[in-house]
Amino acid sequence: MDDCRAVVAALAFMTLTASAAPPDFSAQLDKLWNYAQPAESETRFRAELAKYPAASREALEIETQIARTQGLTRKFDAADKTLDAVLPRLDAVPVRVKVRYFLERGRTRNSSGDRPAAMSLFHEALKLSDRDTLPGADFYRVDTLHMLAIAAPADEQLDWNLKALAAAAASSNDERARGWAASLNNNIGWTYFNRGDAATALAHWQKALPLREAQGNALNIRIAKWAIARGHRALGQLDEAEKIQLALAAETERLNEPDGYVFEELAEITYAKGDKDAAKSWAVKAQAHLKDDPDMASETVRLTRLANMAQGKAP
């Protein structure tokens, strides 16, 4: 009986010590992110940076994320400068920091329009990820594969996305890595959509939605619903598309977060249904929110369509 109690006590101690083990620093660091507000995220990362010695693993890894916030705000020179300061110290830190360095250098190159350079950097991150033995390594390997899919030529994107999805599914002990399935189904959907296969795209977007709902991020859930509605519109299922977009418009306006992309879709849907007055009204609202959106800067065809619909003209 005493032996049984000893075994139980030992197991209880092992459970307690396991649960008390410090969490992976990378995962804790990622909790500081608000991808919709990169400038706000940078402020949090800089406050965190002040807690660690300049040459420490923690400080250098934080700086890779500061560079990412700068890339997201299109401050590419600043991002490169931040990463330049990290580079000479990489030999003295765990491979995880090297993986994140090459990931962020690659994202900076990709966002600035140099996809070949981005691909080379992502390949280096992928190679290094094989040597990452820290907890959470699978998450960053899948991240690298997903970035290769984004930067790759169109005819290679599906293959990289499927490799990323397989790597996420194979990660039996990393919930964060498996969580990539939502983003990857979204991206695979867009790959099929851009190939002209809206039906397959819609199927992947419909797979992504319950995964997004399980993760609980309200913005990502809205984006998943928007994509499903976009698929319905492409298939001529206008009533289904309109119902989803109207619900999104009501939700975002209630939250005082009006979404120009939702208004744009409603303009397109109502125009396709022959309601030019409604299309004009939605187009005016979309224009007001999208005319200064940096992500729309190169979308001249879409902006011209909106301008024409806002003036009551044929798009």
Foldseek 3Di string as FASTA:
>chain_A
DVVVVVVVVVVVVVVVVVVVPDDDLVVVLCVLDDLVQLVSSLVVLVVVLVVDDCLAQNNLLSLLSNLQSCLSVVVLVVSVVSLVVSVVSVVPYALVSVLSSLQSNLSSCVSVPNLVVSLVSLVVSLVSLVVHPDPPSLQSNLVSLQVNLVSPPLVCNLVSLVVSQVSLVPCPPHPNSVLCLLVSLQVNLVSCVVVVNLVSSLVSLVVNQVSVVVVPDVVSNLVSLQSNLVSCVSVVVLVSSLVSLVVSQVVCVVVVNGDLVSLLVQLVSCVVVVNLVSNLVSLVVSCVPPVPPPVCPPVVVSNVCSVQSVVSHHD
